[in-house]
Amino acid sequence: MSLHDRLTEDLKLAMKSRDQLRMDVIRMIKAAVLNKEVELKKDLDDVEMSRVMTTLIKQRRESVEQYEKAQRTELAEKERKEITIIEAYLPKALSPQELEHLVASVIAESGADSLKDMGAAMKAVMARLAGQAVDGKQVSDLVKAKLK
């Protein structure tokens, strides 16, 4: 079952069970995907849909940070719940050890040996992680640490 079909089915189930938060989040995902499809003038495959959802998660994490600074814990908690729902549609994230191993192997393959090569190393690592739920900042920090 494609990710698009899964979202549609889960939206129906959320409507039947009157789960307002889940309905809102799934509708938000579908709207973001539709906007991207209109922008690119093509239907998105599952990998491209995963990228859109990763962006949504990143936005939610930034919102949580802002809400916590403003001491708005109820809004931060709502954003965390939304993150959990969105993450359920993404492939299982790599563990920190797996991510570190992947970064080390890609750097070794690419022959990068200094911070000057960070751009090329990041490009290679992110290409290998396409469709995965990863935090770009975490990857960037790992690459930087390995190249020092």
C-alpha atoms as a PDB file:
ATOM      1  CA  MET A   1       0.000   0.000   0.000  1.00  0.00           C
ATOM      2  CA  SER A   2       1.427   3.369  -0.979  1.00  0.00           C
ATOM      3  CA  LEU A   3       1.900   6.123   1.551  1.00  0.00           C
ATOM      4  CA  HIS A   4      -0.788   8.184  -0.167  1.00  0.00           C
ATOM      5  CA  ASP A   5      -3.338   5.357   0.170  1.00  0.00           C
ATOM      6  CA  ARG A   6      -2.327   4.761   3.770  1.00  0.00           C
ATOM      7  CA  LEU A   7      -2.920   8.425   4.618  1.00  0.00           C
ATOM      8  CA  THR A   8      -6.357   8.314   2.995  1.00  0.00           C
ATOM      9  CA  GLU A   9      -7.347   5.151   4.884  1.00  0.00           C
ATOM     10  CA  ASP A  10      -6.049   6.503   8.199  1.00  0.00           C
ATOM     11  CA  LEU A  11      -7.965   9.741   7.650  1.00  0.00           C
ATOM     12  CA  LYS A  12     -11.175   7.738   7.222  1.00  0.00           C
ATOM     13  CA  LEU A  13     -10.451   5.783  10.410  1.00  0.00           C
ATOM     14  CA  ALA A  14      -9.686   8.981  12.336  1.00  0.00           C
ATOM     15  CA  MET A  15     -12.963  10.484  11.140  1.00  0.00           C
ATOM     16  CA  LYS A  16     -14.912   7.411  12.237  1.00  0.00           C
ATOM     17  CA  SER A  17     -13.259   7.407  15.670  1.00  0.00           C
ATOM     18  CA  ARG A  18     -13.584  11.216  15.953  1.00  0.00           C
ATOM     19  CA  ASP A  19      -9.856  11.615  16.650  1.00  0.00           C
ATOM     20  CA  GLN A  20      -9.605  15.339  15.912  1.00  0.00           C
ATOM     21  CA  LEU A  21      -5.821  15.689  16.361  1.00  0.00           C
ATOM     22  CA  ARG A  22      -5.066  12.764  14.033  1.00  0.00           C
ATOM     23  CA  MET A  23      -7.542  14.094  11.445  1.00  0.00           C
ATOM     24  CA  ASP A  24      -5.936  17.541  11.570  1.00  0.00           C
ATOM     25  CA  VAL A  25      -2.409  16.160  11.241  1.00  0.00           C
ATOM     26  CA  ILE A  26      -3.270  13.833   8.342  1.00  0.00           C
ATOM     27  CA  ARG A  27      -5.072  16.656   6.550  1.00  0.00           C
ATOM     28  CA  MET A  28      -2.021  18.876   7.112  1.00  0.00           C
ATOM     29  CA  ILE A  29       0.250  16.186   5.627  1.00  0.00           C
ATOM     30  CA  LYS A  30      -2.047  15.722   2.626  1.00  0.00           C
ATOM     31  CA  ALA A  31      -2.173  19.496   2.074  1.00  0.00           C
ATOM     32  CA  ALA A  32       1.620  19.813   2.233  1.00  0.00           C
ATOM     33  CA  VAL A  33       2.010  16.917  -0.212  1.00  0.00           C
ATOM     34  CA  LEU A  34      -0.580  18.420  -2.563  1.00  0.00           C
ATOM     35  CA  ASN A  35       1.188  21.801  -2.456  1.00  0.00           C
ATOM     36  CA  LYS A  36       4.474  20.107  -3.338  1.00  0.00           C
ATOM     37  CA  GLU A  37       2.801  18.167  -6.169  1.00  0.00           C
ATOM     38  CA  VAL A  38       1.380  21.403  -7.594  1.00  0.00           C
ATOM     39  CA  GLU A  39       4.777  23.080  -7.239  1.00  0.00           C
ATOM     40  CA  LEU A  40       6.604  20.250  -9.018  1.00  0.00           C
ATOM     41  CA  LYS A  41       3.735  19.547 -11.442  1.00  0.00           C
ATOM     42  CA  LYS A  42       3.906  15.792 -10.819  1.00  0.00           C
ATOM     43  CA  ASP A  43       2.685  13.161  -8.379  1.00  0.00           C
ATOM     44  CA  LEU A  44       5.084  12.469  -5.528  1.00  0.00           C
ATOM     45  CA  ASP A  45       6.366   8.990  -4.812  1.00  0.00           C
ATOM     46  CA  ASP A  46       6.797   7.666  -1.261  1.00  0.00           C
ATOM     47  CA  VAL A  47      10.389   8.941  -0.935  1.00  0.00           C
ATOM     48  CA  GLU A  48       9.403  12.462  -1.950  1.00  0.00           C
ATOM     49  CA  MET A  49       6.406  12.339   0.390  1.00  0.00           C
ATOM     50  CA  SER A  50       8.768  11.293   3.183  1.00  0.00           C
ATOM     51  CA  ARG A  51      10.903  14.363   2.500  1.00  0.00           C
ATOM     52  CA  VAL A  52       7.838  16.592   2.793  1.00  0.00           C
ATOM     53  CA  MET A  53       6.931  14.946   6.114  1.00  0.00           C
ATOM     54  CA  THR A  54      10.503  15.324   7.357  1.00  0.00           C
ATOM     55  CA  THR A  55      10.188  19.053   6.687  1.00  0.00           C
ATOM     56  CA  LEU A  56       6.926  19.122   8.640  1.00  0.00           C
ATOM     57  CA  ILE A  57       8.635  17.396  11.574  1.00  0.00           C
ATOM     58  CA  LYS A  58      11.480  19.897  11.481  1.00  0.00           C
ATOM     59  CA  GLN A  59       8.979  22.762  11.587  1.00  0.00           C
ATOM     60  CA  ARG A  60       7.203  21.173  14.557  1.00  0.00           C
ATOM     61  CA  ARG A  61      10.493  20.719  16.444  1.00  0.00           C
ATOM     62  CA  GLU A  62      11.334  24.385  15.926  1.00  0.00           C
ATOM     63  CA  SER A  63       7.861  25.305  17.190  1.00  0.00           C
ATOM     64  CA  VAL A  64       8.329  23.159  20.295  1.00  0.00           C
ATOM     65  CA  GLU A  65      11.579  24.976  21.007  1.00  0.00           C
ATOM     66  CA  GLN A  66       9.885  28.382  20.631  1.00  0.00           C
ATOM     67  CA  TYR A  67       6.907  27.388  22.772  1.00  0.00           C
ATOM     68  CA  GLU A  68       9.176  26.116  25.523  1.00  0.00           C
ATOM     69  CA  LYS A  69      11.116  29.394  25.516  1.00  0.00           C
ATOM     70  CA  ALA A  70       7.794  31.222  25.874  1.00  0.00           C
ATOM     71  CA  GLN A  71       6.736  28.748  28.605  1.00  0.00           C
ATOM     72  CA  ARG A  72       3.696  27.585  26.622  1.00  0.00           C
ATOM     73  CA  THR A  73       3.903  23.927  27.595  1.00  0.00           C
ATOM     74  CA  GLU A  74       0.389  23.030  26.370  1.00  0.00           C
ATOM     75  CA  LEU A  75       1.224  24.182  22.831  1.00  0.00           C
ATOM     76  CA  ALA A  76       4.634  22.467  22.943  1.00  0.00           C
ATOM     77  CA  GLU A  77       2.944  19.233  24.000  1.00  0.00           C
ATOM     78  CA  LYS A  78       0.445  19.480  21.095  1.00  0.00           C
ATOM     79  CA  GLU A  79       3.351  19.900  18.655  1.00  0.00           C
ATOM     80  CA  ARG A  80       5.090  16.843  20.151  1.00  0.00           C
ATOM     81  CA  LYS A  81       1.937  14.775  19.620  1.00  0.00           C
ATOM     82  CA  GLU A  82       1.811  15.955  15.999  1.00  0.00           C
ATOM     83  CA  ILE A  83       5.458  14.923  15.547  1.00  0.00           C
ATOM     84  CA  THR A  84       4.624  11.443  16.864  1.00  0.00           C
ATOM     85  CA  ILE A  85       1.742  11.071  14.409  1.00  0.00           C
ATOM     86  CA  ILE A  86       3.830  12.242  11.438  1.00  0.00           C
ATOM     87  CA  GLU A  87       6.755   9.976  12.390  1.00  0.00           C
ATOM     88  CA  ALA A  88       4.430   6.962  12.229  1.00  0.00           C
ATOM     89  CA  TYR A  89       4.319   7.425   8.427  1.00  0.00           C
ATOM     90  CA  LEU A  90       8.074   7.619   7.974  1.00  0.00           C
ATOM     91  CA  PRO A  91      10.465   4.678   7.729  1.00  0.00           C
ATOM     92  CA  LYS A  92      12.104   3.701  11.003  1.00  0.00           C
ATOM     93  CA  ALA A  93      14.891   6.136  11.802  1.00  0.00           C
ATOM     94  CA  LEU A  94      18.472   4.944  12.087  1.00  0.00           C
ATOM     95  CA  SER A  95      19.919   4.581  15.559  1.00  0.00           C
ATOM     96  CA  PRO A  96      22.728   7.005  16.477  1.00  0.00           C
ATOM     97  CA  GLN A  97      25.254   4.153  16.150  1.00  0.00           C
ATOM     98  CA  GLU A  98      23.971   3.157  12.703  1.00  0.00           C
ATOM     99  CA  LEU A  99      24.033   6.791  11.588  1.00  0.00           C
ATOM    100  CA  GLU A 100      27.575   7.251  12.868  1.00  0.00           C
ATOM    101  CA  HIS A 101      28.712   4.068  11.092  1.00  0.00           C
ATOM    102  CA  LEU A 102      27.069   5.193   7.830  1.00  0.00           C
ATOM    103  CA  VAL A 103      28.697   8.647   8.047  1.00  0.00           C
ATOM    104  CA  ALA A 104      32.117   7.076   8.702  1.00  0.00           C
ATOM    105  CA  SER A 105      31.801   4.674   5.763  1.00  0.00           C
ATOM    106  CA  VAL A 106      30.625   7.383   3.335  1.00  0.00           C
ATOM    107  CA  ILE A 107      33.491   9.674   4.389  1.00  0.00           C
ATOM    108  CA  ALA A 108      35.966   6.814   3.903  1.00  0.00           C
ATOM    109  CA  GLU A 109      34.522   6.035   0.450  1.00  0.00           C
ATOM    110  CA  SER A 110      34.553   9.661  -0.658  1.00  0.00           C
ATOM    111  CA  GLY A 111      38.112  10.257   0.544  1.00  0.00           C
ATOM    112  CA  ALA A 112      37.144  13.414   2.461  1.00  0.00           C
ATOM    113  CA  ASP A 113      39.794  14.310   5.012  1.00  0.00           C
ATOM    114  CA  SER A 114      39.275  17.922   6.083  1.00  0.00           C
ATOM    115  CA  LEU A 115      36.519  20.441   6.744  1.00  0.00           C
ATOM    116  CA  LYS A 116      37.056  21.749   3.200  1.00  0.00           C
ATOM    117  CA  ASP A 117      35.446  18.524   1.970  1.00  0.00           C
ATOM    118  CA  MET A 118      32.409  18.854   4.249  1.00  0.00           C
ATOM    119  CA  GLY A 119      30.023  19.956   1.478  1.00  0.00           C
ATOM    120  CA  ALA A 120      30.838  16.970  -0.699  1.00  0.00           C
ATOM    121  CA  ALA A 121      30.697  14.607   2.277  1.00  0.00           C
ATOM    122  CA  MET A 122      27.315  15.983   3.377  1.00  0.00           C
ATOM    123  CA  LYS A 123      25.938  15.612  -0.136  1.00  0.00           C
ATOM    124  CA  ALA A 124      27.080  11.983  -0.294  1.00  0.00           C
ATOM    125  CA  VAL A 125      25.712  11.160   3.167  1.00  0.00           C
ATOM    126  CA  MET A 126      22.335  12.815   2.519  1.00  0.00           C
ATOM    127  CA  ALA A 127      22.065  11.021  -0.836  1.00  0.00           C
ATOM    128  CA  ARG A 128      22.596   7.709   0.975  1.00  0.00           C
ATOM    129  CA  LEU A 129      19.957   8.680   3.547  1.00  0.00           C
ATOM    130  CA  ALA A 130      17.309   9.683   0.967  1.00  0.00           C
ATOM    131  CA  GLY A 131      13.836   8.852   2.232  1.00  0.00           C
ATOM    132  CA  GLN A 132      15.032   8.264   5.786  1.00  0.00           C
ATOM    133  CA  ALA A 133      13.796  10.254   8.748  1.00  0.00           C
ATOM    134  CA  VAL A 134      17.020  11.972   9.794  1.00  0.00           C
ATOM    135  CA  ASP A 135      17.842  15.312  11.326  1.00  0.00           C
ATOM    136  CA  GLY A 136      20.141  17.215   8.966  1.00  0.00           C
ATOM    137  CA  LYS A 137      21.759  19.080  11.853  1.00  0.00           C
ATOM    138  CA  GLN A 138      22.629  15.806  13.587  1.00  0.00           C
ATOM    139  CA  VAL A 139      24.176  14.504  10.350  1.00  0.00           C
ATOM    140  CA  SER A 140      26.061  17.766   9.866  1.00  0.00           C
ATOM    141  CA  ASP A 141      27.470  17.592  13.400  1.00  0.00           C
ATOM    142  CA  LEU A 142      28.583  13.975  12.874  1.00  0.00           C
ATOM    143  CA  VAL A 143      30.274  14.794   9.554  1.00  0.00           C
ATOM    144  CA  LYS A 144      32.013  17.797  11.088  1.00  0.00           C
ATOM    145  CA  ALA A 145      33.249  15.704  14.023  1.00  0.00           C
ATOM    146  CA  LYS A 146      34.590  12.989  11.693  1.00  0.00           C
ATOM    147  CA  LEU A 147      36.424  15.499   9.480  1.00  0.00           C
ATOM    148  CA  LYS A 148      38.228  17.313  12.285  1.00  0.00           C
END
